[in-house]
């Protein structure tokens, strides 16, 4: 697929240079952050450093199974990391993958 830039030149989409794995990651990550509950979970983790999975229930007001579903989607998108300590599961931000997302979106704001 090709697009025309603001100065009239034609260039191949940046997506053609991305590996399929990177494209899949970006698509999953975008779908994950498209939900307001998942965004609130991410913001809370960012503010506190980590959350226990049970804390997500009180944060969102959703049922435990629904919260587990949201946490699983965030985990599957590789935006969060989960670790078990005793009986508690803790979730933290996967900063490396947020850096990947930032680098990807940076391309849209830079001059071509």
C-alpha atoms as a PDB file:
ATOM      1  CA  UNK A   1       0.000   0.000   0.000  1.00  0.00           C
ATOM      2  CA  UNK A   2       1.237   3.497  -0.799  1.00  0.00           C
ATOM      3  CA  UNK A   3       0.430   6.942   0.517  1.00  0.00           C
ATOM      4  CA  UNK A   4       1.212  10.367  -0.777  1.00  0.00           C
ATOM      5  CA  UNK A   5       3.143  12.569   1.609  1.00  0.00           C
ATOM      6  CA  UNK A   6       2.436  16.229   2.268  1.00  0.00           C
ATOM      7  CA  UNK A   7       5.152  17.295  -0.203  1.00  0.00           C
ATOM      8  CA  UNK A   8       3.747  15.187  -3.043  1.00  0.00           C
ATOM      9  CA  UNK A   9       6.241  12.314  -3.051  1.00  0.00           C
ATOM     10  CA  UNK A  10       5.023   8.740  -2.887  1.00  0.00           C
ATOM     11  CA  UNK A  11       6.445   6.404  -0.265  1.00  0.00           C
ATOM     12  CA  UNK A  12       5.707   2.851   0.873  1.00  0.00           C
ATOM     13  CA  UNK A  13       3.853   2.527   4.109  1.00  0.00           C
ATOM     14  CA  UNK A  14       6.032   2.212   7.185  1.00  0.00           C
ATOM     15  CA  UNK A  15       4.139  -0.953   7.958  1.00  0.00           C
ATOM     16  CA  UNK A  16       5.895  -2.760   5.112  1.00  0.00           C
ATOM     17  CA  UNK A  17       9.188  -2.420   6.954  1.00  0.00           C
ATOM     18  CA  UNK A  18       7.805  -3.726  10.227  1.00  0.00           C
ATOM     19  CA  UNK A  19       8.179  -7.386  11.000  1.00  0.00           C
ATOM     20  CA  UNK A  20       4.934  -9.316  11.169  1.00  0.00           C
ATOM     21  CA  UNK A  21       5.509  -9.872  14.906  1.00  0.00           C
ATOM     22  CA  UNK A  22       5.815  -6.108  15.457  1.00  0.00           C
ATOM     23  CA  UNK A  23       2.665  -5.464  13.453  1.00  0.00           C
ATOM     24  CA  UNK A  24       0.787  -8.055  15.513  1.00  0.00           C
ATOM     25  CA  UNK A  25       2.058  -6.514  18.745  1.00  0.00           C
ATOM     26  CA  UNK A  26       0.970  -3.020  17.709  1.00  0.00           C
ATOM     27  CA  UNK A  27      -2.484  -4.230  16.661  1.00  0.00           C
ATOM     28  CA  UNK A  28      -3.002  -6.124  19.945  1.00  0.00           C
ATOM     29  CA  UNK A  29      -1.705  -3.227  22.014  1.00  0.00           C
ATOM     30  CA  UNK A  30      -3.991  -0.745  20.265  1.00  0.00           C
ATOM     31  CA  UNK A  31      -7.004  -2.997  20.791  1.00  0.00           C
ATOM     32  CA  UNK A  32      -6.068  -3.395  24.459  1.00  0.00           C
ATOM     33  CA  UNK A  33      -5.850   0.335  25.184  1.00  0.00           C
ATOM     34  CA  UNK A  34      -9.057   1.092  23.276  1.00  0.00           C
ATOM     35  CA  UNK A  35     -11.134   0.201  26.331  1.00  0.00           C
ATOM     36  CA  UNK A  36     -11.662   2.815  29.083  1.00  0.00           C
ATOM     37  CA  UNK A  37     -11.474   0.217  31.880  1.00  0.00           C
ATOM     38  CA  UNK A  38      -8.153  -1.107  30.613  1.00  0.00           C
ATOM     39  CA  UNK A  39      -6.836   2.446  30.268  1.00  0.00           C
ATOM     40  CA  UNK A  40      -7.815   3.163  33.874  1.00  0.00           C
ATOM     41  CA  UNK A  41      -6.005  -0.018  34.963  1.00  0.00           C
ATOM     42  CA  UNK A  42      -2.876   1.082  33.076  1.00  0.00           C
ATOM     43  CA  UNK A  43      -3.021   4.588  34.569  1.00  0.00           C
ATOM     44  CA  UNK A  44      -3.373   3.187  38.082  1.00  0.00           C
ATOM     45  CA  UNK A  45      -0.419   0.816  37.576  1.00  0.00           C
ATOM     46  CA  UNK A  46       1.626   3.717  36.230  1.00  0.00           C
ATOM     47  CA  UNK A  47       0.780   5.832  39.281  1.00  0.00           C
ATOM     48  CA  UNK A  48       1.368   3.107  41.884  1.00  0.00           C
ATOM     49  CA  UNK A  49       4.101   1.038  40.214  1.00  0.00           C
ATOM     50  CA  UNK A  50       2.186  -2.226  40.552  1.00  0.00           C
ATOM     51  CA  UNK A  51      -1.252  -3.514  41.459  1.00  0.00           C
ATOM     52  CA  UNK A  52      -2.574  -6.742  42.847  1.00  0.00           C
ATOM     53  CA  UNK A  53      -5.145  -8.288  40.583  1.00  0.00           C
ATOM     54  CA  UNK A  54      -7.711  -8.089  43.392  1.00  0.00           C
ATOM     55  CA  UNK A  55      -7.151  -4.303  43.547  1.00  0.00           C
ATOM     56  CA  UNK A  56      -8.486  -3.997  40.004  1.00  0.00           C
ATOM     57  CA  UNK A  57     -11.953  -5.042  41.204  1.00  0.00           C
ATOM     58  CA  UNK A  58     -12.186  -2.105  43.629  1.00  0.00           C
ATOM     59  CA  UNK A  59     -10.602   0.252  41.076  1.00  0.00           C
ATOM     60  CA  UNK A  60     -13.075  -0.511  38.292  1.00  0.00           C
ATOM     61  CA  UNK A  61     -16.149  -1.671  40.220  1.00  0.00           C
ATOM     62  CA  UNK A  62     -16.409  -4.606  37.822  1.00  0.00           C
ATOM     63  CA  UNK A  63     -16.845  -8.238  38.811  1.00  0.00           C
ATOM     64  CA  UNK A  64     -13.753 -10.350  39.459  1.00  0.00           C
ATOM     65  CA  UNK A  65     -14.242 -12.473  36.296  1.00  0.00           C
ATOM     66  CA  UNK A  66     -14.600  -9.318  34.176  1.00  0.00           C
ATOM     67  CA  UNK A  67     -11.464  -7.823  35.741  1.00  0.00           C
ATOM     68  CA  UNK A  68      -9.592 -11.067  35.075  1.00  0.00           C
ATOM     69  CA  UNK A  69     -10.664 -10.818  31.435  1.00  0.00           C
ATOM     70  CA  UNK A  70      -9.340  -7.250  31.158  1.00  0.00           C
ATOM     71  CA  UNK A  71      -6.059  -8.216  32.855  1.00  0.00           C
ATOM     72  CA  UNK A  72      -5.690 -11.184  30.492  1.00  0.00           C
ATOM     73  CA  UNK A  73      -6.190  -8.956  27.451  1.00  0.00           C
ATOM     74  CA  UNK A  74      -3.564  -6.510  28.728  1.00  0.00           C
ATOM     75  CA  UNK A  75      -1.215  -9.396  29.457  1.00  0.00           C
ATOM     76  CA  UNK A  76      -1.815 -11.015  26.055  1.00  0.00           C
ATOM     77  CA  UNK A  77      -1.056  -7.661  24.433  1.00  0.00           C
ATOM     78  CA  UNK A  78       2.248  -7.660  26.363  1.00  0.00           C
ATOM     79  CA  UNK A  79       1.578  -4.226  27.847  1.00  0.00           C
ATOM     80  CA  UNK A  80       1.676  -5.563  31.394  1.00  0.00           C
ATOM     81  CA  UNK A  81       3.660  -8.233  33.166  1.00  0.00           C
ATOM     82  CA  UNK A  82       2.171 -10.496  35.819  1.00  0.00           C
ATOM     83  CA  UNK A  83       4.065 -12.130  38.666  1.00  0.00           C
ATOM     84  CA  UNK A  84       2.892 -14.294  41.501  1.00  0.00           C
ATOM     85  CA  UNK A  85       4.064 -13.666  45.068  1.00  0.00           C
ATOM     86  CA  UNK A  86       2.500 -16.099  47.471  1.00  0.00           C
ATOM     87  CA  UNK A  87      -1.253 -15.910  47.009  1.00  0.00           C
ATOM     88  CA  UNK A  88      -1.144 -12.546  45.249  1.00  0.00           C
ATOM     89  CA  UNK A  89      -0.723 -11.810  41.564  1.00  0.00           C
ATOM     90  CA  UNK A  90       0.927  -8.468  40.847  1.00  0.00           C
ATOM     91  CA  UNK A  91       0.755  -6.599  37.572  1.00  0.00           C
ATOM     92  CA  UNK A  92       3.272  -4.022  36.372  1.00  0.00           C
ATOM     93  CA  UNK A  93       3.772  -1.976  33.212  1.00  0.00           C
ATOM     94  CA  UNK A  94       5.954  -3.570  30.544  1.00  0.00           C
ATOM     95  CA  UNK A  95       8.014  -0.455  29.889  1.00  0.00           C
ATOM     96  CA  UNK A  96       9.995  -1.951  27.003  1.00  0.00           C
ATOM     97  CA  UNK A  97       6.830  -2.589  25.029  1.00  0.00           C
ATOM     98  CA  UNK A  98       5.513   0.893  25.755  1.00  0.00           C
ATOM     99  CA  UNK A  99       8.834   2.181  24.379  1.00  0.00           C
ATOM    100  CA  UNK A 100       8.172   0.150  21.214  1.00  0.00           C
ATOM    101  CA  UNK A 101       4.733   1.746  20.910  1.00  0.00           C
ATOM    102  CA  UNK A 102       6.205   5.197  21.491  1.00  0.00           C
ATOM    103  CA  UNK A 103       8.820   4.632  18.798  1.00  0.00           C
ATOM    104  CA  UNK A 104       6.154   3.460  16.394  1.00  0.00           C
ATOM    105  CA  UNK A 105       3.957   6.518  16.956  1.00  0.00           C
ATOM    106  CA  UNK A 106       6.940   8.850  16.901  1.00  0.00           C
ATOM    107  CA  UNK A 107       7.250   8.063  13.190  1.00  0.00           C
ATOM    108  CA  UNK A 108       3.871   9.699  12.596  1.00  0.00           C
ATOM    109  CA  UNK A 109       5.005  13.000  14.068  1.00  0.00           C
ATOM    110  CA  UNK A 110       8.456  13.209  12.530  1.00  0.00           C
ATOM    111  CA  UNK A 111       9.205  14.857   9.220  1.00  0.00           C
ATOM    112  CA  UNK A 112       9.506  12.412   6.348  1.00  0.00           C
END
